């Protein structure tokens, strides 16, 4: 979190409803971009586990 080091302290939440992943991100476009870049790799792995294509 180099651009917005306090972004992880924001009130983001995430969840799954049915087949939909819901992620709340900060309001700032810069913070959104940085948060997505930070979580994209673990997110891909997590979605693979949920879909049954990967194991933990």
C-alpha atoms as a PDB file:
ATOM      1  CA  UNK A   1       0.000   0.000   0.000  1.00  0.00           C
ATOM      2  CA  UNK A   2       2.457   2.609  -1.176  1.00  0.00           C
ATOM      3  CA  UNK A   3       0.132   5.346  -2.413  1.00  0.00           C
ATOM      4  CA  UNK A   4      -2.435   5.175   0.369  1.00  0.00           C
ATOM      5  CA  UNK A   5      -0.820   3.375   3.320  1.00  0.00           C
ATOM      6  CA  UNK A   6      -3.911   3.782   5.511  1.00  0.00           C
ATOM      7  CA  UNK A   7      -6.271   2.306   2.915  1.00  0.00           C
ATOM      8  CA  UNK A   8      -6.329  -1.070   4.665  1.00  0.00           C
ATOM      9  CA  UNK A   9      -7.813   0.664   7.704  1.00  0.00           C
ATOM     10  CA  UNK A  10     -10.802   1.746   5.663  1.00  0.00           C
ATOM     11  CA  UNK A  11     -14.142   0.031   6.244  1.00  0.00           C
ATOM     12  CA  UNK A  12     -13.978  -2.315   3.275  1.00  0.00           C
ATOM     13  CA  UNK A  13     -15.780  -5.610   3.484  1.00  0.00           C
ATOM     14  CA  UNK A  14     -16.190  -8.511   1.125  1.00  0.00           C
ATOM     15  CA  UNK A  15     -18.545 -11.405   0.818  1.00  0.00           C
ATOM     16  CA  UNK A  16     -20.099 -13.947  -1.468  1.00  0.00           C
ATOM     17  CA  UNK A  17     -23.784 -14.115  -2.336  1.00  0.00           C
ATOM     18  CA  UNK A  18     -24.696 -17.001  -4.573  1.00  0.00           C
ATOM     19  CA  UNK A  19     -22.196 -16.933  -7.435  1.00  0.00           C
ATOM     20  CA  UNK A  20     -21.318 -13.267  -6.934  1.00  0.00           C
ATOM     21  CA  UNK A  21     -18.254 -11.857  -5.188  1.00  0.00           C
ATOM     22  CA  UNK A  22     -18.951  -8.516  -3.512  1.00  0.00           C
ATOM     23  CA  UNK A  23     -16.021  -6.254  -2.572  1.00  0.00           C
ATOM     24  CA  UNK A  24     -16.356  -2.778  -1.079  1.00  0.00           C
ATOM     25  CA  UNK A  25     -13.438  -0.492  -1.860  1.00  0.00           C
ATOM     26  CA  UNK A  26     -12.372   3.005  -0.760  1.00  0.00           C
ATOM     27  CA  UNK A  27     -13.948   6.031  -2.428  1.00  0.00           C
ATOM     28  CA  UNK A  28     -10.749   7.410  -3.936  1.00  0.00           C
ATOM     29  CA  UNK A  29      -9.893   6.114  -7.438  1.00  0.00           C
ATOM     30  CA  UNK A  30      -6.201   5.898  -6.461  1.00  0.00           C
ATOM     31  CA  UNK A  31      -7.018   3.908  -3.331  1.00  0.00           C
ATOM     32  CA  UNK A  32      -9.370   1.618  -5.290  1.00  0.00           C
ATOM     33  CA  UNK A  33      -6.700   0.893  -7.873  1.00  0.00           C
ATOM     34  CA  UNK A  34      -4.067   0.202  -5.237  1.00  0.00           C
ATOM     35  CA  UNK A  35      -6.377  -2.058  -3.225  1.00  0.00           C
ATOM     36  CA  UNK A  36      -7.318  -4.086  -6.306  1.00  0.00           C
ATOM     37  CA  UNK A  37      -3.640  -4.480  -7.233  1.00  0.00           C
ATOM     38  CA  UNK A  38      -2.921  -5.636  -3.670  1.00  0.00           C
ATOM     39  CA  UNK A  39      -5.664  -8.286  -3.526  1.00  0.00           C
ATOM     40  CA  UNK A  40      -5.816  -9.565  -7.122  1.00  0.00           C
ATOM     41  CA  UNK A  41      -3.441 -12.549  -6.753  1.00  0.00           C
ATOM     42  CA  UNK A  42      -4.931 -13.918  -3.505  1.00  0.00           C
ATOM     43  CA  UNK A  43      -8.383 -13.175  -4.902  1.00  0.00           C
ATOM     44  CA  UNK A  44      -7.752 -15.298  -8.010  1.00  0.00           C
ATOM     45  CA  UNK A  45      -6.618 -18.173  -5.786  1.00  0.00           C
ATOM     46  CA  UNK A  46      -9.628 -17.807  -3.482  1.00  0.00           C
ATOM     47  CA  UNK A  47     -12.044 -17.834  -6.399  1.00  0.00           C
ATOM     48  CA  UNK A  48     -10.302 -20.937  -7.747  1.00  0.00           C
ATOM     49  CA  UNK A  49     -10.852 -22.677  -4.412  1.00  0.00           C
ATOM     50  CA  UNK A  50     -14.509 -21.642  -4.300  1.00  0.00           C
ATOM     51  CA  UNK A  51     -15.110 -22.889  -7.828  1.00  0.00           C
ATOM     52  CA  UNK A  52     -13.379 -26.205  -7.118  1.00  0.00           C
ATOM     53  CA  UNK A  53     -10.620 -25.644  -9.697  1.00  0.00           C
ATOM     54  CA  UNK A  54      -7.892 -25.248  -7.057  1.00  0.00           C
ATOM     55  CA  UNK A  55      -7.213 -26.674  -3.639  1.00  0.00           C
ATOM     56  CA  UNK A  56      -5.863 -24.912  -0.594  1.00  0.00           C
END
